[in-house]
C-alpha atoms as a PDB file:
ATOM      1  CA  UNK A   1     127.250 131.332 101.998  1.00  0.00           C
ATOM      2  CA  UNK A   2     128.782 129.828  98.852  1.00  0.00           C
ATOM      3  CA  UNK A   3     126.481 127.889  96.573  1.00  0.00           C
ATOM      4  CA  UNK A   4     128.491 124.702  97.059  1.00  0.00           C
ATOM      5  CA  UNK A   5     128.279 124.977 100.861  1.00  0.00           C
ATOM      6  CA  UNK A   6     124.562 125.751 100.673  1.00  0.00           C
ATOM      7  CA  UNK A   7     123.917 122.588  98.649  1.00  0.00           C
ATOM      8  CA  UNK A   8     125.853 120.522 101.187  1.00  0.00           C
ATOM      9  CA  UNK A   9     123.831 121.941 104.066  1.00  0.00           C
ATOM     10  CA  UNK A  10     120.568 121.433 102.198  1.00  0.00           C
ATOM     11  CA  UNK A  11     121.421 117.839 101.375  1.00  0.00           C
ATOM     12  CA  UNK A  12     122.354 117.136 104.963  1.00  0.00           C
ATOM     13  CA  UNK A  13     119.107 118.692 106.196  1.00  0.00           C
ATOM     14  CA  UNK A  14     117.029 116.658 103.774  1.00  0.00           C
ATOM     15  CA  UNK A  15     118.756 113.465 104.862  1.00  0.00           C
ATOM     16  CA  UNK A  16     118.112 114.294 108.505  1.00  0.00           C
ATOM     17  CA  UNK A  17     114.437 115.033 107.777  1.00  0.00           C
ATOM     18  CA  UNK A  18     114.067 111.729 105.918  1.00  0.00           C
ATOM     19  CA  UNK A  19     115.735 109.881 108.772  1.00  0.00           C
ATOM     20  CA  UNK A  20     113.195 111.314 111.212  1.00  0.00           C
ATOM     21  CA  UNK A  21     110.165 111.153 108.925  1.00  0.00           C
ATOM     22  CA  UNK A  22     110.493 107.573 107.718  1.00  0.00           C
ATOM     23  CA  UNK A  23     110.320 105.926 111.166  1.00  0.00           C
ATOM     24  CA  UNK A  24     107.486 108.288 112.147  1.00  0.00           C
ATOM     25  CA  UNK A  25     105.475 107.309 109.085  1.00  0.00           C
ATOM     26  CA  UNK A  26     106.227 103.642 109.650  1.00  0.00           C
ATOM     27  CA  UNK A  27     105.060 103.891 113.250  1.00  0.00           C
ATOM     28  CA  UNK A  28     101.790 105.534 112.198  1.00  0.00           C
ATOM     29  CA  UNK A  29     101.096 102.809 109.615  1.00  0.00           C
ATOM     30  CA  UNK A  30     101.503  99.536 111.530  1.00  0.00           C
ATOM     31  CA  UNK A  31     100.493  96.139 110.185  1.00  0.00           C
ATOM     32  CA  UNK A  32      96.934  95.430 111.354  1.00  0.00           C
ATOM     33  CA  UNK A  33      94.883  92.387 110.357  1.00  0.00           C
ATOM     34  CA  UNK A  34      91.249  92.142 111.332  1.00  0.00           C
ATOM     35  CA  UNK A  35      88.402  89.751 110.612  1.00  0.00           C
ATOM     36  CA  UNK A  36      84.885  90.917 109.774  1.00  0.00           C
ATOM     37  CA  UNK A  37      81.906  88.579 109.903  1.00  0.00           C
ATOM     38  CA  UNK A  38      78.881  89.479 107.788  1.00  0.00           C
ATOM     39  CA  UNK A  39      75.252  88.660 108.511  1.00  0.00           C
ATOM     40  CA  UNK A  40      74.725  88.110 104.777  1.00  0.00           C
ATOM     41  CA  UNK A  41      75.613  85.480 102.168  1.00  0.00           C
ATOM     42  CA  UNK A  42      78.060  86.281  99.370  1.00  0.00           C
ATOM     43  CA  UNK A  43      75.341  85.747  96.759  1.00  0.00           C
ATOM     44  CA  UNK A  44      73.687  88.997  97.851  1.00  0.00           C
ATOM     45  CA  UNK A  45      76.443  91.063  96.319  1.00  0.00           C
ATOM     46  CA  UNK A  46      74.921  94.460  97.125  1.00  0.00           C
ATOM     47  CA  UNK A  47      74.262  94.128 100.841  1.00  0.00           C
ATOM     48  CA  UNK A  48      77.230  91.793 101.390  1.00  0.00           C
ATOM     49  CA  UNK A  49      79.243  94.013  99.075  1.00  0.00           C
ATOM     50  CA  UNK A  50      79.107  96.864 101.583  1.00  0.00           C
ATOM     51  CA  UNK A  51      81.591  95.012 103.789  1.00  0.00           C
ATOM     52  CA  UNK A  52      83.842  94.331 100.816  1.00  0.00           C
ATOM     53  CA  UNK A  53      83.794  98.032  99.995  1.00  0.00           C
ATOM     54  CA  UNK A  54      84.984  98.841 103.522  1.00  0.00           C
ATOM     55  CA  UNK A  55      87.809  96.318 103.354  1.00  0.00           C
ATOM     56  CA  UNK A  56      89.008  97.549  99.948  1.00  0.00           C
ATOM     57  CA  UNK A  57      88.867 101.220 100.928  1.00  0.00           C
ATOM     58  CA  UNK A  58      90.815 100.632 104.139  1.00  0.00           C
ATOM     59  CA  UNK A  59      93.457  98.570 102.362  1.00  0.00           C
ATOM     60  CA  UNK A  60      93.871 101.092  99.537  1.00  0.00           C
ATOM     61  CA  UNK A  61      94.144 104.031 101.942  1.00  0.00           C
ATOM     62  CA  UNK A  62      96.856 102.330 104.009  1.00  0.00           C
ATOM     63  CA  UNK A  63      98.861 100.740 101.181  1.00  0.00           C
ATOM     64  CA  UNK A  64      97.757  97.335 102.443  1.00  0.00           C
ATOM     65  CA  UNK A  65      98.950  97.930 106.002  1.00  0.00           C
ATOM     66  CA  UNK A  66      95.431  97.629 107.472  1.00  0.00           C
ATOM     67  CA  UNK A  67      93.782  94.460 106.178  1.00  0.00           C
ATOM     68  CA  UNK A  68      90.192  93.427 106.919  1.00  0.00           C
ATOM     69  CA  UNK A  69      89.244  89.893 105.870  1.00  0.00           C
ATOM     70  CA  UNK A  70      85.518  89.566 105.169  1.00  0.00           C
ATOM     71  CA  UNK A  71      83.647  86.362 105.992  1.00  0.00           C
ATOM     72  CA  UNK A  72      80.112  85.559 104.833  1.00  0.00           C
ATOM     73  CA  UNK A  73      77.384  84.455 107.209  1.00  0.00           C
ATOM     74  CA  UNK A  74      78.122  80.953 108.469  1.00  0.00           C
ATOM     75  CA  UNK A  75      81.840  80.969 107.690  1.00  0.00           C
ATOM     76  CA  UNK A  76      82.800  82.068 111.211  1.00  0.00           C
ATOM     77  CA  UNK A  77      79.437  82.308 112.978  1.00  0.00           C
ATOM     78  CA  UNK A  78      75.808  82.231 111.780  1.00  0.00           C
ATOM     79  CA  UNK A  79      74.498  85.533 110.426  1.00  0.00           C
ATOM     80  CA  UNK A  80      72.370  86.326 113.456  1.00  0.00           C
ATOM     81  CA  UNK A  81      75.338  85.889 115.833  1.00  0.00           C
ATOM     82  CA  UNK A  82      77.524  88.561 114.228  1.00  0.00           C
ATOM     83  CA  UNK A  83      77.084  91.040 117.072  1.00  0.00           C
ATOM     84  CA  UNK A  84      77.923  88.442 119.730  1.00  0.00           C
ATOM     85  CA  UNK A  85      81.078  87.425 117.861  1.00  0.00           C
ATOM     86  CA  UNK A  86      82.196  91.050 117.759  1.00  0.00           C
ATOM     87  CA  UNK A  87      81.243  91.790 121.328  1.00  0.00           C
ATOM     88  CA  UNK A  88      83.167  88.803 122.724  1.00  0.00           C
ATOM     89  CA  UNK A  89      86.221  89.362 120.519  1.00  0.00           C
ATOM     90  CA  UNK A  90      85.870  86.309 118.255  1.00  0.00           C
ATOM     91  CA  UNK A  91      86.195  88.833 115.410  1.00  0.00           C
ATOM     92  CA  UNK A  92      87.153  92.480 115.474  1.00  0.00           C
ATOM     93  CA  UNK A  93      84.073  93.716 113.607  1.00  0.00           C
ATOM     94  CA  UNK A  94      80.869  92.728 111.847  1.00  0.00           C
ATOM     95  CA  UNK A  95      78.526  93.999 109.147  1.00  0.00           C
ATOM     96  CA  UNK A  96      74.968  93.493 110.271  1.00  0.00           C
ATOM     97  CA  UNK A  97      71.558  95.013 110.907  1.00  0.00           C
ATOM     98  CA  UNK A  98      70.956  96.057 114.484  1.00  0.00           C
ATOM     99  CA  UNK A  99      67.276  95.044 114.489  1.00  0.00           C
ATOM    100  CA  UNK A 100      68.395  91.417 114.378  1.00  0.00           C
ATOM    101  CA  UNK A 101      69.168  91.772 118.079  1.00  0.00           C
ATOM    102  CA  UNK A 102      65.827  92.927 119.463  1.00  0.00           C
ATOM    103  CA  UNK A 103      65.786  89.735 121.520  1.00  0.00           C
ATOM    104  CA  UNK A 104      68.556  91.320 123.590  1.00  0.00           C
ATOM    105  CA  UNK A 105      66.900  94.737 123.730  1.00  0.00           C
ATOM    106  CA  UNK A 106      64.247  96.268 121.425  1.00  0.00           C
ATOM    107  CA  UNK A 107      66.266  99.506 121.390  1.00  0.00           C
ATOM    108  CA  UNK A 108      68.601  97.891 118.848  1.00  0.00           C
ATOM    109  CA  UNK A 109      65.882  98.151 116.203  1.00  0.00           C
ATOM    110  CA  UNK A 110      65.571 101.924 116.315  1.00  0.00           C
ATOM    111  CA  UNK A 111      69.026 102.522 114.891  1.00  0.00           C
ATOM    112  CA  UNK A 112      68.334 100.388 111.832  1.00  0.00           C
ATOM    113  CA  UNK A 113      64.600 100.595 111.107  1.00  0.00           C
ATOM    114  CA  UNK A 114      61.291 100.392 112.893  1.00  0.00           C
ATOM    115  CA  UNK A 115      57.770 100.287 111.446  1.00  0.00           C
ATOM    116  CA  UNK A 116      56.674 103.688 110.147  1.00  0.00           C
ATOM    117  CA  UNK A 117      60.096 105.149 110.883  1.00  0.00           C
ATOM    118  CA  UNK A 118      62.422 107.241 108.745  1.00  0.00           C
ATOM    119  CA  UNK A 119      63.146 106.861 105.045  1.00  0.00           C
ATOM    120  CA  UNK A 120      66.760 106.419 103.907  1.00  0.00           C
ATOM    121  CA  UNK A 121      67.666 110.094 103.559  1.00  0.00           C
ATOM    122  CA  UNK A 122      65.941 110.985 106.792  1.00  0.00           C
ATOM    123  CA  UNK A 123      67.705 108.135 108.576  1.00  0.00           C
ATOM    124  CA  UNK A 124      71.088 109.363 107.390  1.00  0.00           C
ATOM    125  CA  UNK A 125      70.171 112.899 108.388  1.00  0.00           C
ATOM    126  CA  UNK A 126      69.186 111.823 111.887  1.00  0.00           C
ATOM    127  CA  UNK A 127      72.234 109.615 112.406  1.00  0.00           C
ATOM    128  CA  UNK A 128      74.861 111.936 110.943  1.00  0.00           C
ATOM    129  CA  UNK A 129      73.434 115.367 111.765  1.00  0.00           C
ATOM    130  CA  UNK A 130      70.628 114.970 114.284  1.00  0.00           C
ATOM    131  CA  UNK A 131      72.418 113.232 117.151  1.00  0.00           C
ATOM    132  CA  UNK A 132      71.325 109.714 116.227  1.00  0.00           C
ATOM    133  CA  UNK A 133      74.838 108.271 116.044  1.00  0.00           C
ATOM    134  CA  UNK A 134      75.696 109.626 119.463  1.00  0.00           C
ATOM    135  CA  UNK A 135      72.562 108.074 120.961  1.00  0.00           C
ATOM    136  CA  UNK A 136      73.233 104.811 119.131  1.00  0.00           C
ATOM    137  CA  UNK A 137      76.783 104.474 120.401  1.00  0.00           C
ATOM    138  CA  UNK A 138      75.781 105.410 123.924  1.00  0.00           C
ATOM    139  CA  UNK A 139      73.509 102.366 123.730  1.00  0.00           C
ATOM    140  CA  UNK A 140      75.854 100.078 121.720  1.00  0.00           C
ATOM    141  CA  UNK A 141      78.599 100.674 124.289  1.00  0.00           C
ATOM    142  CA  UNK A 142      76.670  98.439 126.681  1.00  0.00           C
ATOM    143  CA  UNK A 143      77.433  95.555 124.297  1.00  0.00           C
ATOM    144  CA  UNK A 144      81.095  96.476 124.016  1.00  0.00           C
ATOM    145  CA  UNK A 145      80.890  97.765 120.441  1.00  0.00           C
ATOM    146  CA  UNK A 146      80.867 101.022 118.511  1.00  0.00           C
ATOM    147  CA  UNK A 147      78.667 101.321 115.433  1.00  0.00           C
ATOM    148  CA  UNK A 148      79.008 103.087 112.089  1.00  0.00           C
ATOM    149  CA  UNK A 149      76.256 103.441 109.448  1.00  0.00           C
ATOM    150  CA  UNK A 150      77.535 101.279 106.625  1.00  0.00           C
ATOM    151  CA  UNK A 151      74.772 100.899 104.066  1.00  0.00           C
ATOM    152  CA  UNK A 152      71.101 101.502 103.418  1.00  0.00           C
ATOM    153  CA  UNK A 153      68.733  99.574 101.175  1.00  0.00           C
ATOM    154  CA  UNK A 154      66.149 102.322 100.767  1.00  0.00           C
ATOM    155  CA  UNK A 155      62.474 101.561 101.368  1.00  0.00           C
ATOM    156  CA  UNK A 156      61.989  97.834 101.134  1.00  0.00           C
ATOM    157  CA  UNK A 157      59.242  95.757  99.604  1.00  0.00           C
ATOM    158  CA  UNK A 158      56.490  94.245 101.721  1.00  0.00           C
ATOM    159  CA  UNK A 159      57.270  90.662 100.855  1.00  0.00           C
ATOM    160  CA  UNK A 160      56.118  87.580  98.989  1.00  0.00           C
ATOM    161  CA  UNK A 161      52.771  85.949  99.767  1.00  0.00           C
ATOM    162  CA  UNK A 162      51.066  82.790  98.565  1.00  0.00           C
ATOM    163  CA  UNK A 163      47.674  84.467  98.793  1.00  0.00           C
ATOM    164  CA  UNK A 164      46.346  88.010  98.429  1.00  0.00           C
ATOM    165  CA  UNK A 165      46.172  90.218 101.518  1.00  0.00           C
ATOM    166  CA  UNK A 166      43.168  92.499 101.221  1.00  0.00           C
ATOM    167  CA  UNK A 167      42.034  92.892 104.805  1.00  0.00           C
ATOM    168  CA  UNK A 168      43.496  92.624 108.287  1.00  0.00           C
ATOM    169  CA  UNK A 169      41.628  89.328 108.662  1.00  0.00           C
ATOM    170  CA  UNK A 170      43.789  87.859 105.888  1.00  0.00           C
ATOM    171  CA  UNK A 171      46.818  88.235 108.176  1.00  0.00           C
ATOM    172  CA  UNK A 172      45.384  86.036 110.898  1.00  0.00           C
ATOM    173  CA  UNK A 173      47.557  82.971 111.474  1.00  0.00           C
ATOM    174  CA  UNK A 174      49.917  83.869 108.619  1.00  0.00           C
ATOM    175  CA  UNK A 175      53.409  82.475 109.217  1.00  0.00           C
ATOM    176  CA  UNK A 176      55.522  85.339 107.968  1.00  0.00           C
ATOM    177  CA  UNK A 177      59.316  85.577 107.895  1.00  0.00           C
ATOM    178  CA  UNK A 178      59.995  89.078 109.129  1.00  0.00           C
ATOM    179  CA  UNK A 179      63.009  90.413 111.017  1.00  0.00           C
ATOM    180  CA  UNK A 180      63.286  92.594 114.057  1.00  0.00           C
ATOM    181  CA  UNK A 181      60.662  94.411 116.029  1.00  0.00           C
ATOM    182  CA  UNK A 182      58.289  94.512 113.050  1.00  0.00           C
ATOM    183  CA  UNK A 183      57.342  90.948 113.919  1.00  0.00           C
ATOM    184  CA  UNK A 184      55.995  92.131 117.273  1.00  0.00           C
ATOM    185  CA  UNK A 185      53.874  94.757 115.516  1.00  0.00           C
ATOM    186  CA  UNK A 186      52.445  92.270 113.042  1.00  0.00           C
ATOM    187  CA  UNK A 187      51.801  89.790 115.823  1.00  0.00           C
ATOM    188  CA  UNK A 188      49.298  92.295 117.196  1.00  0.00           C
ATOM    189  CA  UNK A 189      47.271  92.010 113.972  1.00  0.00           C
ATOM    190  CA  UNK A 190      47.340  88.206 113.871  1.00  0.00           C
ATOM    191  CA  UNK A 191      50.608  87.336 112.103  1.00  0.00           C
ATOM    192  CA  UNK A 192      52.851  84.557 113.415  1.00  0.00           C
ATOM    193  CA  UNK A 193      56.333  86.083 112.903  1.00  0.00           C
ATOM    194  CA  UNK A 194      59.352  83.949 112.021  1.00  0.00           C
ATOM    195  CA  UNK A 195      62.917  85.302 112.124  1.00  0.00           C
ATOM    196  CA  UNK A 196      65.229  83.570 109.650  1.00  0.00           C
ATOM    197  CA  UNK A 197      68.584  84.534 108.168  1.00  0.00           C
ATOM    198  CA  UNK A 198      68.609  85.404 104.458  1.00  0.00           C
ATOM    199  CA  UNK A 199      69.951  82.067 103.258  1.00  0.00           C
ATOM    200  CA  UNK A 200      67.271  80.100 105.141  1.00  0.00           C
ATOM    201  CA  UNK A 201      64.201  81.858 103.737  1.00  0.00           C
ATOM    202  CA  UNK A 202      63.765  80.157 100.357  1.00  0.00           C
ATOM    203  CA  UNK A 203      63.759  76.558 101.648  1.00  0.00           C
ATOM    204  CA  UNK A 204      61.246  77.480 104.353  1.00  0.00           C
ATOM    205  CA  UNK A 205      58.951  79.188 101.835  1.00  0.00           C
ATOM    206  CA  UNK A 206      59.326  76.340  99.345  1.00  0.00           C
ATOM    207  CA  UNK A 207      58.489  73.662 101.926  1.00  0.00           C
ATOM    208  CA  UNK A 208      55.544  75.633 103.295  1.00  0.00           C
ATOM    209  CA  UNK A 209      57.120  76.030 106.723  1.00  0.00           C
ATOM    210  CA  UNK A 210      56.238  79.699 106.277  1.00  0.00           C
ATOM    211  CA  UNK A 211      53.418  81.301 104.266  1.00  0.00           C
ATOM    212  CA  UNK A 212      55.133  84.552 103.346  1.00  0.00           C
ATOM    213  CA  UNK A 213      58.524  86.197 103.533  1.00  0.00           C
ATOM    214  CA  UNK A 214      60.148  89.583 103.178  1.00  0.00           C
ATOM    215  CA  UNK A 215      63.793  90.302 102.560  1.00  0.00           C
ATOM    216  CA  UNK A 216      64.894  93.539 100.882  1.00  0.00           C
ATOM    217  CA  UNK A 217      63.690  94.402  97.393  1.00  0.00           C
ATOM    218  CA  UNK A 218      63.521  93.260  93.763  1.00  0.00           C
ATOM    219  CA  UNK A 219      67.246  92.769  93.123  1.00  0.00           C
ATOM    220  CA  UNK A 220      67.978  90.630  96.169  1.00  0.00           C
ATOM    221  CA  UNK A 221      64.598  88.911  96.134  1.00  0.00           C
ATOM    222  CA  UNK A 222      65.091  87.863  92.512  1.00  0.00           C
ATOM    223  CA  UNK A 223      68.474  86.370  93.402  1.00  0.00           C
ATOM    224  CA  UNK A 224      66.923  84.422  96.269  1.00  0.00           C
ATOM    225  CA  UNK A 225      64.268  82.991  93.934  1.00  0.00           C
ATOM    226  CA  UNK A 226      61.168  83.904  95.917  1.00  0.00           C
ATOM    227  CA  UNK A 227      59.110  84.433  92.750  1.00  0.00           C
ATOM    228  CA  UNK A 228      59.322  80.688  92.109  1.00  0.00           C
ATOM    229  CA  UNK A 229      57.432  79.817  95.283  1.00  0.00           C
ATOM    230  CA  UNK A 230      55.147  82.803  95.938  1.00  0.00           C
ATOM    231  CA  UNK A 231      53.055  84.755  93.429  1.00  0.00           C
ATOM    232  CA  UNK A 232      52.060  88.002  95.151  1.00  0.00           C
ATOM    233  CA  UNK A 233      54.637  90.726  95.802  1.00  0.00           C
ATOM    234  CA  UNK A 234      53.441  93.431  98.195  1.00  0.00           C
ATOM    235  CA  UNK A 235      54.619  96.973  98.858  1.00  0.00           C
ATOM    236  CA  UNK A 236      55.691  99.032 100.700  1.00  0.00           C
ATOM    237  CA  UNK A 237      57.700  97.407 103.479  1.00  0.00           C
ATOM    238  CA  UNK A 238      56.379  99.917 105.989  1.00  0.00           C
ATOM    239  CA  UNK A 239      58.532  98.364 108.693  1.00  0.00           C
ATOM    240  CA  UNK A 240      61.715  99.320 106.819  1.00  0.00           C
ATOM    241  CA  UNK A 241      61.398 102.766 105.307  1.00  0.00           C
ATOM    242  CA  UNK A 242      65.158 103.269 105.208  1.00  0.00           C
ATOM    243  CA  UNK A 243      67.045 100.608 107.170  1.00  0.00           C
ATOM    244  CA  UNK A 244      70.641 101.282 108.132  1.00  0.00           C
ATOM    245  CA  UNK A 245      73.160  98.462 107.889  1.00  0.00           C
ATOM    246  CA  UNK A 246      75.868  98.890 110.518  1.00  0.00           C
ATOM    247  CA  UNK A 247      79.538  98.119 110.776  1.00  0.00           C
ATOM    248  CA  UNK A 248      80.057  97.290 114.430  1.00  0.00           C
ATOM    249  CA  UNK A 249      83.549  97.233 115.907  1.00  0.00           C
ATOM    250  CA  UNK A 250      84.733  95.706 119.168  1.00  0.00           C
ATOM    251  CA  UNK A 251      85.230  98.743 121.386  1.00  0.00           C
ATOM    252  CA  UNK A 252      88.596  97.645 122.806  1.00  0.00           C
ATOM    253  CA  UNK A 253      89.939  96.954 119.322  1.00  0.00           C
ATOM    254  CA  UNK A 254      88.641 100.317 118.125  1.00  0.00           C
ATOM    255  CA  UNK A 255      90.298 102.189 120.973  1.00  0.00           C
ATOM    256  CA  UNK A 256      93.594 100.406 120.251  1.00  0.00           C
ATOM    257  CA  UNK A 257      93.676 101.563 116.613  1.00  0.00           C
ATOM    258  CA  UNK A 258      95.944 104.498 115.682  1.00  0.00           C
ATOM    259  CA  UNK A 259      93.917 107.690 115.213  1.00  0.00           C
ATOM    260  CA  UNK A 260      94.643 107.782 111.487  1.00  0.00           C
ATOM    261  CA  UNK A 261      93.337 104.221 111.109  1.00  0.00           C
ATOM    262  CA  UNK A 262      90.201 105.185 113.031  1.00  0.00           C
ATOM    263  CA  UNK A 263      89.668 108.068 110.601  1.00  0.00           C
ATOM    264  CA  UNK A 264      90.249 105.823 107.581  1.00  0.00           C
ATOM    265  CA  UNK A 265      87.864 103.134 108.832  1.00  0.00           C
ATOM    266  CA  UNK A 266      85.205 105.759 109.592  1.00  0.00           C
ATOM    267  CA  UNK A 267      85.578 107.196 106.088  1.00  0.00           C
ATOM    268  CA  UNK A 268      85.347 103.697 104.617  1.00  0.00           C
ATOM    269  CA  UNK A 269      81.982 103.098 106.286  1.00  0.00           C
ATOM    270  CA  UNK A 270      80.635 106.423 105.006  1.00  0.00           C
ATOM    271  CA  UNK A 271      81.758 105.428 101.509  1.00  0.00           C
ATOM    272  CA  UNK A 272      80.028 102.041 101.825  1.00  0.00           C
ATOM    273  CA  UNK A 273      76.884 103.709 103.151  1.00  0.00           C
ATOM    274  CA  UNK A 274      76.607 105.829  99.999  1.00  0.00           C
ATOM    275  CA  UNK A 275      77.709 103.006  97.703  1.00  0.00           C
ATOM    276  CA  UNK A 276      75.037 100.580  98.889  1.00  0.00           C
ATOM    277  CA  UNK A 277      72.117 103.005  98.614  1.00  0.00           C
ATOM    278  CA  UNK A 278      73.193 104.102  95.134  1.00  0.00           C
ATOM    279  CA  UNK A 279      73.698 100.513  94.046  1.00  0.00           C
ATOM    280  CA  UNK A 280      70.222  99.422  95.139  1.00  0.00           C
ATOM    281  CA  UNK A 281      68.651 102.393  93.378  1.00  0.00           C
ATOM    282  CA  UNK A 282      70.417 101.314  90.201  1.00  0.00           C
ATOM    283  CA  UNK A 283      69.647  97.582  90.236  1.00  0.00           C
ATOM    284  CA  UNK A 284      66.116  97.462  91.670  1.00  0.00           C
ATOM    285  CA  UNK A 285      64.156  98.952  88.716  1.00  0.00           C
ATOM    286  CA  UNK A 286      65.384  96.453  86.124  1.00  0.00           C
ATOM    287  CA  UNK A 287      64.967  93.554  88.543  1.00  0.00           C
ATOM    288  CA  UNK A 288      61.371  94.602  89.220  1.00  0.00           C
ATOM    289  CA  UNK A 289      60.632  94.735  85.495  1.00  0.00           C
ATOM    290  CA  UNK A 290      62.047  91.225  85.045  1.00  0.00           C
ATOM    291  CA  UNK A 291      59.960  89.870  87.921  1.00  0.00           C
ATOM    292  CA  UNK A 292      56.724  91.356  86.609  1.00  0.00           C
ATOM    293  CA  UNK A 293      57.481  90.103  83.104  1.00  0.00           C
ATOM    294  CA  UNK A 294      57.928  86.650  84.627  1.00  0.00           C
ATOM    295  CA  UNK A 295      54.464  86.635  86.191  1.00  0.00           C
ATOM    296  CA  UNK A 296      54.921  88.253  89.602  1.00  0.00           C
ATOM    297  CA  UNK A 297      51.757  90.024  90.737  1.00  0.00           C
ATOM    298  CA  UNK A 298      52.485  93.423  92.328  1.00  0.00           C
ATOM    299  CA  UNK A 299      50.040  94.459  95.028  1.00  0.00           C
ATOM    300  CA  UNK A 300      49.918  97.453  97.401  1.00  0.00           C
ATOM    301  CA  UNK A 301      48.964  96.919 101.019  1.00  0.00           C
ATOM    302  CA  UNK A 302      45.494  98.369 101.525  1.00  0.00           C
ATOM    303  CA  UNK A 303      44.920 101.413 103.702  1.00  0.00           C
ATOM    304  CA  UNK A 304      43.017  99.151 106.103  1.00  0.00           C
ATOM    305  CA  UNK A 305      46.119  97.045 106.641  1.00  0.00           C
ATOM    306  CA  UNK A 306      48.434 100.063 106.916  1.00  0.00           C
ATOM    307  CA  UNK A 307      46.191 101.887 109.393  1.00  0.00           C
ATOM    308  CA  UNK A 308      45.800  98.785 111.570  1.00  0.00           C
ATOM    309  CA  UNK A 309      49.565  98.249 111.610  1.00  0.00           C
ATOM    310  CA  UNK A 310      50.241 101.904 112.445  1.00  0.00           C
ATOM    311  CA  UNK A 311      47.838 101.667 115.384  1.00  0.00           C
ATOM    312  CA  UNK A 312      49.541  98.460 116.549  1.00  0.00           C
ATOM    313  CA  UNK A 313      52.947 100.123 116.202  1.00  0.00           C
ATOM    314  CA  UNK A 314      52.027 103.085 118.375  1.00  0.00           C
ATOM    315  CA  UNK A 315      50.553 100.748 120.991  1.00  0.00           C
ATOM    316  CA  UNK A 316      53.738  98.684 121.065  1.00  0.00           C
ATOM    317  CA  UNK A 317      55.966 101.754 121.451  1.00  0.00           C
ATOM    318  CA  UNK A 318      53.926 102.807 124.478  1.00  0.00           C
ATOM    319  CA  UNK A 319      54.159  99.355 126.046  1.00  0.00           C
ATOM    320  CA  UNK A 320      57.927  99.040 125.569  1.00  0.00           C
ATOM    321  CA  UNK A 321      58.644 102.635 126.595  1.00  0.00           C
ATOM    322  CA  UNK A 322      56.838 102.108 129.882  1.00  0.00           C
ATOM    323  CA  UNK A 323      59.428  99.530 130.958  1.00  0.00           C
ATOM    324  CA  UNK A 324      62.569 100.336 128.944  1.00  0.00           C
ATOM    325  CA  UNK A 325      64.180 103.758 129.459  1.00  0.00           C
ATOM    326  CA  UNK A 326      66.738 103.263 126.665  1.00  0.00           C
ATOM    327  CA  UNK A 327      63.979 102.486 124.198  1.00  0.00           C
ATOM    328  CA  UNK A 328      61.868 105.458 125.268  1.00  0.00           C
ATOM    329  CA  UNK A 329      64.797 107.870 124.963  1.00  0.00           C
ATOM    330  CA  UNK A 330      65.648 106.585 121.484  1.00  0.00           C
ATOM    331  CA  UNK A 331      62.138 106.254 120.052  1.00  0.00           C
ATOM    332  CA  UNK A 332      61.141 109.702 121.314  1.00  0.00           C
ATOM    333  CA  UNK A 333      64.198 111.241 119.639  1.00  0.00           C
ATOM    334  CA  UNK A 334      63.543 109.443 116.358  1.00  0.00           C
ATOM    335  CA  UNK A 335      59.852 110.352 116.256  1.00  0.00           C
ATOM    336  CA  UNK A 336      60.533 114.011 116.984  1.00  0.00           C
ATOM    337  CA  UNK A 337      63.027 114.074 114.119  1.00  0.00           C
ATOM    338  CA  UNK A 338      60.578 112.258 111.848  1.00  0.00           C
ATOM    339  CA  UNK A 339      57.898 114.870 112.483  1.00  0.00           C
ATOM    340  CA  UNK A 340      60.081 117.731 111.281  1.00  0.00           C
ATOM    341  CA  UNK A 341      61.430 115.726 108.365  1.00  0.00           C
ATOM    342  CA  UNK A 342      57.966 114.970 107.002  1.00  0.00           C
ATOM    343  CA  UNK A 343      56.922 118.571 107.528  1.00  0.00           C
ATOM    344  CA  UNK A 344      59.667 119.425 105.055  1.00  0.00           C
ATOM    345  CA  UNK A 345      59.021 116.420 102.812  1.00  0.00           C
ATOM    346  CA  UNK A 346      55.404 117.362 102.160  1.00  0.00           C
ATOM    347  CA  UNK A 347      56.456 120.828 101.008  1.00  0.00           C
ATOM    348  CA  UNK A 348      59.023 120.002  98.336  1.00  0.00           C
ATOM    349  CA  UNK A 349      60.230 116.405  98.137  1.00  0.00           C
ATOM    350  CA  UNK A 350      56.852 114.650  98.061  1.00  0.00           C
ATOM    351  CA  UNK A 351      55.262 117.272  95.811  1.00  0.00           C
ATOM    352  CA  UNK A 352      58.060 117.010  93.280  1.00  0.00           C
ATOM    353  CA  UNK A 353      58.195 113.199  93.329  1.00  0.00           C
ATOM    354  CA  UNK A 354      54.422 112.894  93.031  1.00  0.00           C
ATOM    355  CA  UNK A 355      54.342 115.193  90.012  1.00  0.00           C
ATOM    356  CA  UNK A 356      57.168 113.327  88.307  1.00  0.00           C
ATOM    357  CA  UNK A 357      55.507 109.972  88.910  1.00  0.00           C
ATOM    358  CA  UNK A 358      52.254 111.212  87.399  1.00  0.00           C
ATOM    359  CA  UNK A 359      54.177 112.703  84.504  1.00  0.00           C
ATOM    360  CA  UNK A 360      55.919 109.411  83.833  1.00  0.00           C
ATOM    361  CA  UNK A 361      52.676 107.444  83.795  1.00  0.00           C
ATOM    362  CA  UNK A 362      51.228 109.923  81.275  1.00  0.00           C
ATOM    363  CA  UNK A 363      54.235 109.291  79.046  1.00  0.00           C
END
């Protein structure tokens, strides 16, 4: 074939390929606009920011074809109604914590955090590699949603108290803002649990409607101003060793997405999951130093309190498991995974961290 003829054929072939490829690409990148309701206020830029990270990632990866508009708690529905709004199709998705919905079924708590559960790395390991996600979505399907891990705060603080907590007796009658199933555990040791959304905690603590409150950790707690109305800051938040924040998507809307959009949205939630944990690890140390410098009194929960709460936790799991098969299946799986994880942790992770902490304190 002559060179001139070859070039003509090649040009014609390229034009034909472009004619076929362009419509195919266009069809695989349709215009999609979703709404996401968050359970968190915009002021909490780290936990709320996880949803913004998802929206930005999805938009960037689709050249703006797939848009997710993020709404703060209260802009579409109150923060604690995010799951309902997603389930009934008011919005396509939400960014929330599944333990907010223990009133529907206590099983919801297991896939975020339960007292004396998994730490953040262990939680991610269980969900992503140990079958946890599959169990979670088998359960979430009953509410018409599919869930994706989309953030983790790391081990949280134990909260802000007006008085010192030295013994279990000090918990008796204490009106304590605490979310999820942890409130049922603490109720067994005398606490009067109160579930409030993040933006409602400060006014309640300031007015004395509650005696104590927990939220996340130093960075968020400083923003919410708790140090102004409570002096004692306790640790650890044993009810949230590594809580997962979820992106939940209406199942019908998820199934209607093109496969490439499903893959992009899944990747976006994994990105946000890593982003949030790393962000909290960066901002919490300096916030804690500022709080202590401002007069906050750090206190550890005593072993007496921890042991009593662990006993109450195990009792509660037995009671719920006896009448809720979903809960039993999930809690048994999590606890079995936890046992192996801490077997490994005590060998290397804990030994290394303990040495480094002692080394730091020696200067």
